[in-house]
Amino acid sequence: MKYTKALALFLTILASFSTTAQTFTGLQQSNFGGIHQANLNPANIANSRHRIYINGLTAGFGFNNDYLKLSLPFNYLNLITGNVPSQYKNSQGQLAIDDSWLIENVNGKSKNASMYLQTRAPGFMYKISEGFTVGLQYKNTISFQLNDIAEPLARLARYGIDSSSGSVTFSGPNQFQIGTTFGDNAFTVNLNAFGEIGLTLAKTIVKNDNLVLKVGATPKFLLGYGTGYIKNRGLLIKTPGTDTIVFGQTDVEYGYTDIEKFTKLNAINFDILNSTLSGKGFGYDLGFAFEFNPDGAKRITNKKNAYLFRGGISLLDAGHITYNKDLKNTRIVNNTGDKQLIINSNFSNAWSQGEARGLEFTDSVMRTLFSIDTSATNIISHMPTTLNLQFDYNVFKFIYVGANWTQDMRGKKSVGMRRASYLMLIPRIETKLFEISLPIGLMNDYRTGRIGCYLRVGPVFIGSDNLIGQIKSNNIYGADLYFGISTGIPSKKDKDKSSGNTDNSSEGTSTY
């Protein structure tokens, strides 16, 4: 498959200027989640099951898109276990990926894609007194998001230009041909690497035999390692030849910090003292929660948690990071007629000398064609603010059914990060030493169904929001996984009265 030189350069420019929805659902819903519960609602830890809780290390990663499906000729489980049939390997015994395994989802709708990597360590929680708990977390996230790419543009990136009526040799299945004008392509691209240091304060404000009311807040200091974005408000292009791009009405804004920061993953995730910042900011989480346990239900509920049902509302990840170091910020506008960009050997020579030289040369050429505004001295990258509602019902003793609804508050056009909206039902079995849950629901802005799984044995846990689909299906639009080890000292029953428990027996000090 060959792209035209003009298209290849154009896509390279976009990629150069730009270079997750992590949920941890099962972990954060659990009564044994300790400090992790604060990431769902900071009020939840006010009467936590633990006096002390320490997060050793938690990590999660994932990717998702709604355009290309990986359709394997063998089961995905064979790939995980290394038992790929020999006919799908090359002479070195490695997987030989065939382009035909990628199947398009052509439905006339815009396309989206996201990837993320998040680490949480260190973190701890401490119950200072009855009903008052504090927690501290250090988290790092690397996130790439591509929102609302028009389907013709996505197909153009995959297949190139259909030259059946042109002069070059490749003819793809898309409808964009040489000489065709392409528009209706507004989209955003966001790339971010940032850290969070959050201090959670949670307090029980009302407690009696039947009802507990709690509030909590997590102010955060935000560490901006690097960012990049493209905000395309509208771009009209056509390709009259293999080495020419004609730009019509254009309004594209882009900015980026030192792109080498994104290659230093170890420094971003585990070496805060030696990591240099390109930006800083402040954020916060706010939450309110309640637990209700009527007299008639106390025979069937778990005495250690002491509620028939609990619920809460939280505003998560409010705030932004302001980047003002090592950055370039540019807005390109053309409203004065067509502008022609001719690709010649100077472009290939410049890019062969490295990315920095290629960007410098491309910028110089763009300035001769467009109105260029580079006056902005900072980039404001917004956090993925969401409104979250939680509910949990104690069916009988150690059997629970939870629910979690998260609504994105940012929108796809913002510069920064967003978390796609979702609705989850979370049945689970929960004990001190063992827990399993099966999150079921609608993810990715309620567009796709998912069945996940969360498993905890003592202090070790592993989970996914789409584990069942990844294992049982040969057709994959994305994958995710999180895992970790956390441990704590449980609260004694005779002291944990903030949960409404009046049993005077001791639970001991074992970890789980």
Protein backbone atom coordinates (compact mmCIF):
# COMPACT_ATOMS: atom_id res chain seq x y z
CA MET A 1 0.00 0.00 0.00
CA LYS A 2 1.46 3.39 -0.96
CA TYR A 3 0.41 6.86 0.05
CA THR A 4 1.02 9.86 -2.16
CA LYS A 5 3.97 11.99 -1.07
CA ALA A 6 1.73 14.96 -0.32
CA LEU A 7 -0.62 13.01 1.91
CA ALA A 8 2.23 11.26 3.68
CA LEU A 9 3.86 14.58 4.54
CA PHE A 10 0.59 16.12 5.67
CA LEU A 11 -0.13 13.23 8.05
CA THR A 12 3.47 13.31 9.29
CA ILE A 13 3.06 16.99 10.14
CA LEU A 14 -0.10 16.24 12.11
CA ALA A 15 1.55 13.34 13.93
CA SER A 16 4.59 15.43 14.78
CA PHE A 17 2.54 18.30 16.19
CA SER A 18 0.49 16.00 18.42
CA THR A 19 3.33 13.81 19.68
CA THR A 20 -7.09 7.85 27.95
CA ALA A 21 -10.71 6.39 29.90
CA GLN A 22 -9.21 4.69 32.77
CA THR A 23 -11.80 3.54 35.27
CA PHE A 24 -10.41 0.82 37.61
CA THR A 25 -14.08 0.04 38.22
CA GLY A 26 -13.90 -3.10 40.36
CA LEU A 27 -11.09 -1.80 42.57
CA GLN A 28 -12.69 1.55 43.34
CA GLN A 29 -16.15 0.12 44.04
CA SER A 30 -14.86 -2.31 46.68
CA ASN A 31 -15.26 -1.74 50.43
CA PHE A 32 -11.71 -3.09 50.68
CA GLY A 33 -10.37 -0.55 48.17
CA GLY A 34 -8.85 1.68 50.82
CA ILE A 35 -7.33 4.84 49.36
CA HIS A 36 -8.46 3.76 45.88
CA GLN A 37 -12.07 4.43 46.93
CA ALA A 38 -11.22 8.14 47.07
CA ASN A 39 -10.71 8.13 43.28
CA LEU A 40 -14.40 7.35 42.89
CA ASN A 41 -15.65 9.57 45.73
CA PRO A 42 -13.35 11.16 48.34
CA ALA A 43 -16.13 10.89 50.96
CA ASN A 44 -16.02 7.09 50.80
CA ILE A 45 -12.93 6.72 52.99
CA ALA A 46 -14.42 8.60 55.98
CA ASN A 47 -15.46 5.29 57.59
CA SER A 48 -13.16 2.98 55.66
CA ARG A 49 -12.76 -0.70 56.54
CA HIS A 50 -9.11 0.06 57.32
CA ARG A 51 -7.36 2.05 60.01
CA ILE A 52 -4.23 2.15 57.84
CA TYR A 53 -4.00 1.30 54.14
CA ILE A 54 -0.91 1.40 51.92
CA ASN A 55 -0.86 1.16 48.14
CA GLY A 56 2.36 -0.56 47.13
CA LEU A 57 1.99 -0.19 43.37
CA THR A 58 -0.99 0.00 41.06
CA ALA A 59 -0.74 0.30 37.28
CA GLY A 60 -3.22 0.27 34.41
CA PHE A 61 -3.08 0.66 30.65
CA GLY A 62 -5.48 0.44 27.75
CA PHE A 63 -6.42 1.52 24.26
CA ASN A 64 -9.68 1.77 22.38
CA ASN A 65 -11.06 2.96 19.06
CA ASP A 66 -14.31 2.73 17.13
CA TYR A 67 -12.91 2.62 13.58
CA LEU A 68 -10.58 -0.36 13.09
CA LYS A 69 -11.33 -3.81 14.45
CA LEU A 70 -8.54 -6.36 14.82
CA SER A 71 -10.08 -9.56 13.47
CA LEU A 72 -7.64 -12.36 14.24
CA PRO A 73 -7.81 -15.69 12.38
CA PHE A 74 -7.14 -17.36 15.74
CA ASN A 75 -8.42 -16.82 19.28
CA TYR A 76 -7.06 -13.82 21.19
CA LEU A 77 -6.21 -16.16 24.06
CA ASN A 78 -3.65 -17.85 21.79
CA LEU A 79 -1.89 -14.50 21.46
CA ILE A 80 -1.78 -14.00 25.23
CA THR A 81 -0.46 -17.49 25.92
CA GLY A 82 1.98 -17.51 23.01
CA ASN A 83 0.26 -20.39 21.22
CA VAL A 84 -0.24 -18.68 17.86
CA PRO A 85 -0.52 -21.25 15.04
CA SER A 86 2.68 -21.56 13.04
CA GLN A 87 1.09 -20.46 9.74
CA TYR A 88 0.69 -16.96 11.23
CA LYS A 89 4.37 -16.59 12.14
CA ASN A 90 7.32 -15.45 10.06
CA SER A 91 10.64 -17.27 9.62
CA GLN A 92 11.89 -15.85 12.94
CA GLY A 93 8.90 -17.29 14.78
CA GLN A 94 7.32 -13.89 15.35
CA LEU A 95 3.71 -12.93 14.68
CA ALA A 96 3.31 -11.92 11.02
CA ILE A 97 0.56 -9.29 11.06
CA ASP A 98 -1.55 -9.19 7.93
CA ASP A 99 -3.24 -5.92 6.94
CA SER A 100 -6.40 -7.87 6.11
CA TRP A 101 -6.86 -8.51 9.85
CA LEU A 102 -7.85 -4.85 10.28
CA ILE A 103 -11.54 -4.43 9.47
CA GLU A 104 -13.17 -1.01 9.08
CA ASN A 105 -16.31 0.09 10.86
CA VAL A 106 -17.90 2.17 8.09
CA ASN A 107 -21.14 3.70 9.39
CA GLY A 108 -20.96 7.37 8.43
CA LYS A 109 -20.08 8.46 11.99
CA SER A 110 -16.99 10.25 13.25
CA LYS A 111 -14.20 8.14 14.75
CA ASN A 112 -12.46 8.27 18.12
CA ALA A 113 -9.39 6.64 19.65
CA SER A 114 -7.63 6.74 23.02
CA MET A 115 -4.67 5.21 24.83
CA TYR A 116 -3.50 5.59 28.40
CA LEU A 117 -0.97 4.41 30.96
CA GLN A 118 -1.43 5.21 34.65
CA THR A 119 0.62 4.37 37.73
CA ARG A 120 -0.36 4.96 41.36
CA ALA A 121 2.45 4.85 43.92
CA PRO A 122 3.00 5.63 46.66
CA GLY A 123 -0.34 6.06 48.40
CA PHE A 124 -1.66 5.63 51.90
CA MET A 125 -4.72 6.26 54.07
CA TYR A 126 -4.91 6.76 57.83
CA LYS A 127 -7.96 6.98 60.10
CA ILE A 128 -7.08 9.76 62.52
CA SER A 129 -10.18 9.43 64.66
CA GLU A 130 -13.70 8.03 64.55
CA GLY A 131 -15.20 9.22 61.26
CA PHE A 132 -12.20 11.32 60.15
CA THR A 133 -9.70 9.93 57.63
CA VAL A 134 -6.88 11.40 55.58
CA GLY A 135 -5.18 9.99 52.51
CA LEU A 136 -2.32 10.86 50.20
CA GLN A 137 -1.76 9.67 46.63
CA TYR A 138 0.80 10.20 43.91
CA LYS A 139 -0.44 9.30 40.43
CA ASN A 140 1.01 9.65 36.94
CA THR A 141 -0.87 9.44 33.67
CA ILE A 142 0.16 9.40 30.02
CA SER A 143 -2.85 9.87 27.75
CA PHE A 144 -3.46 10.17 24.00
CA GLN A 145 -6.92 10.99 22.68
CA LEU A 146 -8.24 11.57 19.18
CA ASN A 147 -11.82 12.87 19.00
CA ASP A 148 -14.33 13.23 16.18
CA ILE A 149 -12.18 12.36 13.18
CA ALA A 150 -14.51 12.43 10.18
CA GLU A 151 -14.90 8.99 8.66
CA PRO A 152 -13.62 10.09 5.20
CA LEU A 153 -10.49 11.51 6.86
CA ALA A 154 -9.95 8.29 8.81
CA ARG A 155 -10.26 6.30 5.57
CA LEU A 156 -7.94 8.75 3.85
CA ALA A 157 -5.32 8.11 6.54
CA ARG A 158 -5.72 4.34 6.16
CA TYR A 159 -5.84 3.97 2.37
CA GLY A 160 -4.44 7.14 0.88
CA ILE A 161 -5.96 8.77 -2.19
CA ASP A 162 -8.04 6.79 -4.66
CA SER A 163 -6.18 7.39 -7.90
CA SER A 164 -8.44 5.41 -10.21
CA SER A 165 -8.95 8.57 -12.23
CA GLY A 166 -5.52 10.03 -11.52
CA SER A 167 -1.93 9.40 -12.46
CA VAL A 168 -0.53 7.30 -9.62
CA THR A 169 -0.74 3.54 -9.19
CA PHE A 170 -2.65 2.99 -5.95
CA SER A 171 -6.45 2.76 -5.93
CA GLY A 172 -8.06 2.38 -2.52
CA PRO A 173 -11.64 1.60 -1.52
CA ASN A 174 -12.36 5.08 -0.15
CA GLN A 175 -14.09 7.80 -2.14
CA PHE A 176 -11.44 10.52 -1.89
CA GLN A 177 -9.77 10.94 -5.27
CA ILE A 178 -7.15 13.20 -6.74
CA GLY A 179 -8.82 16.53 -7.45
CA THR A 180 -11.61 16.00 -4.92
CA THR A 181 -12.20 18.67 -2.27
CA PHE A 182 -12.31 17.37 1.29
CA GLY A 183 -13.93 19.25 4.18
CA ASP A 184 -16.21 18.65 7.18
CA ASN A 185 -13.24 17.43 9.21
CA ALA A 186 -13.13 19.34 12.50
CA PHE A 187 -11.40 17.24 15.17
CA THR A 188 -9.16 17.43 18.23
CA VAL A 189 -6.02 15.54 19.22
CA ASN A 190 -4.64 15.65 22.76
CA LEU A 191 -1.47 14.15 24.22
CA ASN A 192 -0.62 14.64 27.90
CA ALA A 193 1.84 13.40 30.49
CA PHE A 194 1.12 14.67 33.99
CA GLY A 195 1.30 13.79 37.66
CA GLU A 196 -1.01 14.38 40.62
CA ILE A 197 -0.22 14.74 44.32
CA GLY A 198 -3.57 14.61 46.10
CA LEU A 199 -4.44 15.00 49.79
CA THR A 200 -7.84 13.53 50.68
CA LEU A 201 -9.79 14.71 53.74
CA ALA A 202 -13.00 12.80 54.55
CA LYS A 203 -15.37 13.29 57.49
CA THR A 204 -18.54 11.64 58.80
CA ILE A 205 -20.96 14.47 59.59
CA VAL A 206 -24.05 12.48 60.64
CA LYS A 207 -24.12 9.04 62.27
CA ASN A 208 -26.83 7.08 63.98
CA ASP A 209 -27.98 3.46 64.03
CA ASN A 210 -29.55 3.70 60.58
CA LEU A 211 -27.89 6.52 58.67
CA VAL A 212 -24.36 7.78 57.96
CA LEU A 213 -23.63 10.96 55.97
CA LYS A 214 -20.09 11.72 54.77
CA VAL A 215 -18.26 14.45 52.87
CA GLY A 216 -14.81 14.52 51.35
CA ALA A 217 -12.43 16.58 49.24
CA THR A 218 -9.10 15.99 47.49
CA PRO A 219 -7.13 19.11 46.56
CA LYS A 220 -4.39 18.26 44.06
CA PHE A 221 -1.11 19.73 42.94
CA LEU A 222 -0.75 18.94 39.23
CA LEU A 223 2.63 18.30 37.63
CA GLY A 224 2.77 18.99 33.90
CA TYR A 225 5.54 16.96 32.24
CA GLY A 226 4.45 17.52 28.66
CA THR A 227 1.51 18.20 26.38
CA GLY A 228 0.56 18.46 22.74
CA TYR A 229 -2.68 19.23 20.95
CA ILE A 230 -4.33 19.95 17.63
CA LYS A 231 -7.64 21.78 17.50
CA ASN A 232 -8.92 21.72 13.95
CA ARG A 233 -11.94 23.99 13.61
CA GLY A 234 -12.10 23.40 9.87
CA LEU A 235 -9.70 22.42 7.11
CA LEU A 236 -10.58 22.39 3.41
CA ILE A 237 -8.08 20.50 1.24
CA LYS A 238 -7.74 18.95 -2.20
CA THR A 239 -4.91 17.19 -4.02
CA PRO A 240 -4.65 18.12 -7.71
CA GLY A 241 -1.44 16.08 -8.02
CA THR A 242 0.75 13.61 -6.21
CA ASP A 243 3.10 16.31 -4.88
CA THR A 244 0.63 19.10 -4.22
CA ILE A 245 -1.85 20.01 -1.50
CA VAL A 246 -4.26 22.93 -1.95
CA PHE A 247 -5.63 24.47 1.24
CA GLY A 248 -8.93 26.32 1.19
CA GLN A 249 -10.69 27.78 4.24
CA THR A 250 -8.47 26.80 7.16
CA ASP A 251 -8.49 27.33 10.94
CA VAL A 252 -6.13 25.01 12.78
CA GLU A 253 -4.53 25.58 16.18
CA TYR A 254 -1.76 23.43 17.60
CA GLY A 255 0.77 23.51 20.39
CA TYR A 256 3.31 21.25 22.04
CA THR A 257 6.05 21.19 24.65
CA ASP A 258 9.34 19.31 24.35
CA ILE A 259 8.21 16.10 22.64
CA GLU A 260 11.20 14.16 23.96
CA LYS A 261 9.53 14.17 27.40
CA PHE A 262 7.08 11.54 26.19
CA THR A 263 9.88 9.07 25.51
CA LYS A 264 11.12 9.20 29.12
CA LEU A 265 8.43 6.98 30.60
CA ASN A 266 10.53 5.83 33.55
CA ALA A 267 11.21 9.40 34.65
CA ILE A 268 7.55 10.37 34.30
CA ASN A 269 6.25 7.44 36.31
CA PHE A 270 8.90 6.67 38.91
CA ASP A 271 11.43 9.48 39.19
CA ILE A 272 9.61 12.64 40.24
CA LEU A 273 12.68 14.24 41.83
CA ASN A 274 14.61 14.21 38.55
CA SER A 275 11.69 15.07 36.27
CA THR A 276 11.57 18.63 34.96
CA LEU A 277 8.17 20.29 34.66
CA SER A 278 6.84 22.23 31.69
CA GLY A 279 3.72 23.30 33.59
CA LYS A 280 1.89 23.30 36.89
CA GLY A 281 -1.68 23.53 38.08
CA PHE A 282 -4.25 22.78 40.73
CA GLY A 283 -7.24 20.48 40.72
CA TYR A 284 -9.72 18.91 43.10
CA ASP A 285 -12.29 16.19 43.71
CA LEU A 286 -15.42 16.76 45.82
CA GLY A 287 -17.82 14.14 47.14
CA PHE A 288 -20.83 13.43 49.30
CA ALA A 289 -21.95 9.93 50.31
CA PHE A 290 -24.49 8.21 52.55
CA GLU A 291 -25.12 4.75 54.00
CA PHE A 292 -28.55 3.50 55.10
CA ASN A 293 -29.29 0.40 57.14
CA PRO A 294 -32.91 0.06 58.34
CA ASP A 295 -33.60 -2.03 61.45
CA GLY A 296 -35.39 -4.78 59.55
CA ALA A 297 -32.44 -5.32 57.19
CA LYS A 298 -29.68 -5.80 59.75
CA ARG A 299 -30.19 -9.57 59.81
CA ILE A 300 -29.23 -9.93 56.14
CA THR A 301 -26.57 -7.22 55.71
CA ASN A 302 -22.87 -7.54 56.31
CA LYS A 303 -22.22 -6.30 59.88
CA LYS A 304 -18.71 -5.20 58.98
CA ASN A 305 -20.02 -2.70 56.42
CA ALA A 306 -23.39 -2.07 58.13
CA TYR A 307 -25.49 -0.78 55.23
CA LEU A 308 -28.33 -2.09 53.14
CA PHE A 309 -27.44 0.40 50.46
CA ARG A 310 -25.05 3.28 50.04
CA GLY A 311 -24.82 5.99 47.44
CA GLY A 312 -22.92 9.11 46.57
CA ILE A 313 -22.27 11.93 44.15
CA SER A 314 -18.87 13.32 43.26
CA LEU A 315 -17.22 15.84 40.97
CA LEU A 316 -13.88 14.41 39.87
CA ASP A 317 -10.78 15.85 38.22
CA ALA A 318 -11.71 19.51 38.13
CA GLY A 319 -8.90 21.93 37.33
CA HIS A 320 -6.24 22.48 34.68
CA ILE A 321 -2.49 22.64 34.04
CA THR A 322 -0.88 25.76 32.61
CA TYR A 323 2.17 24.99 30.46
CA ASN A 324 4.57 27.92 29.92
CA LYS A 325 7.99 26.33 29.38
CA ASP A 326 9.62 24.77 26.32
CA LEU A 327 6.52 25.18 24.17
CA LYS A 328 5.36 26.29 20.78
CA ASN A 329 1.80 27.45 20.21
CA THR A 330 0.54 28.26 16.73
CA ARG A 331 -2.74 29.10 15.03
CA ILE A 332 -2.96 28.83 11.24
CA VAL A 333 -5.74 30.69 9.46
CA ASN A 334 -6.56 31.06 5.77
CA ASN A 335 -9.64 32.97 4.65
CA THR A 336 -8.23 34.65 1.55
CA GLY A 337 -8.57 31.96 -1.11
CA ASP A 338 -6.73 28.78 -2.04
CA LYS A 339 -3.11 28.31 -0.99
CA GLN A 340 -0.95 25.76 -2.79
CA LEU A 341 1.71 23.71 -0.99
CA ILE A 342 4.14 21.98 -3.36
CA ILE A 343 6.17 19.15 -1.90
CA ASN A 344 9.76 19.11 -3.15
CA SER A 345 13.10 17.63 -2.12
CA ASN A 346 13.64 20.37 0.47
CA PHE A 347 10.98 18.77 2.68
CA SER A 348 12.52 15.30 2.60
CA ASN A 349 16.00 16.75 3.17
CA ALA A 350 14.81 18.72 6.22
CA TRP A 351 12.97 15.78 7.81
CA SER A 352 15.92 13.49 7.16
CA GLN A 353 17.92 15.70 9.53
CA GLY A 354 15.56 14.97 12.42
CA GLU A 355 12.16 15.91 13.73
CA ALA A 356 13.23 19.29 15.11
CA ARG A 357 14.68 20.38 11.75
CA GLY A 358 11.65 19.02 9.90
CA LEU A 359 9.26 20.99 12.09
CA GLU A 360 11.34 24.13 11.74
CA PHE A 361 11.36 23.91 7.95
CA THR A 362 7.65 23.09 7.73
CA ASP A 363 6.82 26.05 9.97
CA SER A 364 8.84 28.37 7.73
CA VAL A 365 6.96 27.19 4.63
CA MET A 366 3.58 27.46 6.34
CA ARG A 367 4.32 31.10 7.22
CA THR A 368 4.57 31.97 3.53
CA LEU A 369 1.08 30.58 2.87
CA PHE A 370 -1.08 31.31 5.90
CA SER A 371 -1.79 33.88 8.54
CA ILE A 372 0.27 32.57 11.47
CA ASP A 373 -0.31 33.61 15.08
CA THR A 374 2.34 32.50 17.59
CA SER A 375 1.60 35.13 20.26
CA ALA A 376 0.14 32.72 22.83
CA THR A 377 2.67 32.15 25.61
CA ASN A 378 1.00 29.23 27.37
CA ILE A 379 -1.13 26.16 26.83
CA ILE A 380 -3.98 25.51 29.25
CA SER A 381 -4.68 21.78 29.40
CA HIS A 382 -7.91 20.87 31.16
CA MET A 383 -8.32 17.86 33.42
CA PRO A 384 -10.94 15.20 32.49
CA THR A 385 -13.74 16.54 34.69
CA THR A 386 -16.67 14.19 35.28
CA LEU A 387 -19.84 14.04 37.34
CA ASN A 388 -20.16 10.66 39.02
CA LEU A 389 -23.09 8.92 40.73
CA GLN A 390 -22.57 5.72 42.75
CA PHE A 391 -24.92 3.19 44.32
CA ASP A 392 -24.29 -0.09 46.13
CA TYR A 393 -26.82 -2.63 47.47
CA ASN A 394 -25.96 -5.37 49.98
CA VAL A 395 -28.09 -8.24 48.66
CA PHE A 396 -27.09 -10.69 51.40
CA LYS A 397 -24.03 -10.75 53.67
CA PHE A 398 -21.04 -10.81 51.27
CA ILE A 399 -23.07 -10.43 48.01
CA TYR A 400 -23.40 -6.93 46.54
CA VAL A 401 -24.68 -5.21 43.41
CA GLY A 402 -23.24 -1.79 42.64
CA ALA A 403 -23.86 0.81 39.95
CA ASN A 404 -21.71 3.64 38.63
CA TRP A 405 -22.71 6.39 36.22
CA THR A 406 -20.04 8.80 34.97
CA GLN A 407 -20.84 11.76 32.71
CA ASP A 408 -18.10 13.69 30.90
CA MET A 409 -18.19 17.43 31.63
CA ARG A 410 -15.49 18.56 29.18
CA GLY A 411 -16.67 17.66 25.70
CA LYS A 412 -14.63 16.53 22.73
CA LYS A 413 -13.57 19.99 21.54
CA SER A 414 -11.63 21.03 24.64
CA VAL A 415 -7.86 21.21 24.86
CA GLY A 416 -6.78 18.70 27.47
CA MET A 417 -8.20 15.37 28.55
CA ARG A 418 -11.65 13.90 28.77
CA ARG A 419 -13.04 10.69 30.21
CA ALA A 420 -15.70 9.07 28.06
CA SER A 421 -19.09 8.71 29.74
CA TYR A 422 -20.22 5.26 30.89
CA LEU A 423 -22.86 3.38 32.87
CA MET A 424 -21.86 0.25 34.79
CA LEU A 425 -23.63 -2.43 36.85
CA ILE A 426 -21.20 -4.18 39.23
CA PRO A 427 -22.29 -7.46 40.87
CA ARG A 428 -19.65 -8.82 43.24
CA ILE A 429 -18.76 -11.22 46.03
CA GLU A 430 -16.68 -9.47 48.68
CA THR A 431 -14.86 -10.93 51.67
CA LYS A 432 -11.73 -9.99 53.58
CA LEU A 433 -9.51 -12.51 51.77
CA PHE A 434 -11.26 -12.85 48.41
CA GLU A 435 -13.28 -10.70 46.04
CA ILE A 436 -14.59 -11.04 42.52
CA SER A 437 -16.79 -8.67 40.52
CA LEU A 438 -18.11 -8.55 36.95
CA PRO A 439 -18.58 -4.92 35.80
CA ILE A 440 -21.20 -4.89 33.03
CA GLY A 441 -22.30 -1.83 31.13
CA LEU A 442 -22.07 0.72 28.35
CA MET A 443 -18.66 2.34 27.83
CA ASN A 444 -17.22 4.90 25.37
CA ASP A 445 -20.02 7.47 25.66
CA TYR A 446 -22.62 4.69 25.98
CA ARG A 447 -21.82 3.31 22.52
CA THR A 448 -20.31 -0.10 23.30
CA GLY A 449 -21.24 -2.87 25.70
CA ARG A 450 -18.57 -4.35 27.96
CA ILE A 451 -18.18 -7.17 30.49
CA GLY A 452 -15.14 -6.84 32.72
CA CYS A 453 -13.73 -8.71 35.68
CA TYR A 454 -11.99 -7.80 38.94
CA LEU A 455 -10.27 -10.35 41.17
CA ARG A 456 -8.60 -9.81 44.53
CA VAL A 457 -6.84 -12.48 46.58
CA GLY A 458 -5.53 -10.98 49.81
CA PRO A 459 -3.53 -7.86 48.89
CA VAL A 460 -3.05 -8.75 45.20
CA PHE A 461 -5.60 -7.70 42.57
CA ILE A 462 -6.07 -7.66 38.81
CA GLY A 463 -8.91 -6.36 36.70
CA SER A 464 -10.19 -5.16 33.36
CA ASP A 465 -13.30 -3.37 32.14
CA ASN A 466 -13.45 -5.60 29.05
CA LEU A 467 -11.71 -8.82 30.07
CA ILE A 468 -14.44 -11.21 28.90
CA GLY A 469 -14.60 -9.63 25.45
CA GLN A 470 -10.82 -9.69 25.07
CA ILE A 471 -10.56 -13.40 25.92
CA LYS A 472 -13.60 -14.80 24.14
CA SER A 473 -13.62 -12.67 21.00
CA ASN A 474 -11.37 -12.71 17.94
CA ASN A 475 -12.60 -9.21 17.06
CA ILE A 476 -10.98 -6.49 19.15
CA TYR A 477 -11.54 -2.71 19.15
CA GLY A 478 -9.46 -2.22 22.28
CA ALA A 479 -8.01 -3.74 25.43
CA ASP A 480 -7.29 -2.68 29.01
CA LEU A 481 -5.83 -4.13 32.18
CA TYR A 482 -4.96 -2.93 35.68
CA PHE A 483 -3.20 -4.69 38.54
CA GLY A 484 -1.42 -4.02 41.79
CA ILE A 485 -0.70 -4.86 45.39
CA SER A 486 -2.11 -2.93 48.35
CA THR A 487 -2.46 -3.88 51.99
CA GLY A 488 -3.87 -2.51 55.22
CA ILE A 489 -4.77 -3.01 58.86
CA PRO A 490 -8.54 -3.41 59.26
CA SER A 491 -10.53 -1.25 61.66
CA LYS A 492 -11.56 -2.97 64.87
CA LYS A 493 -15.29 -3.44 65.14
CA ASP A 494 -15.47 -1.98 68.62
CA LYS A 495 -13.77 1.23 67.38
CA ASP A 496 -15.28 1.57 63.91
CA LYS A 497 -18.57 3.04 65.12
CA SER A 498 -18.67 5.51 62.27
CA SER A 499 -19.99 2.66 60.13
CA GLY A 500 -22.83 2.01 62.56
CA ASN A 501 -21.32 -1.27 63.80
CA THR A 502 -21.99 -2.09 67.49
CA ASP A 503 -20.37 -5.53 67.63
CA ASN A 504 -17.66 -5.44 70.37
CA SER A 505 -15.62 -8.39 69.10
CA SER A 506 -12.16 -7.71 67.71
CA GLU A 507 -11.25 -8.25 64.07
CA GLY A 508 -7.52 -8.29 64.79
CA THR A 509 -4.75 -6.55 62.91
CA SER A 510 -4.07 -8.92 60.06
CA THR A 511 -3.77 -7.55 56.54
CA TYR A 512 -6.94 -8.64 54.83
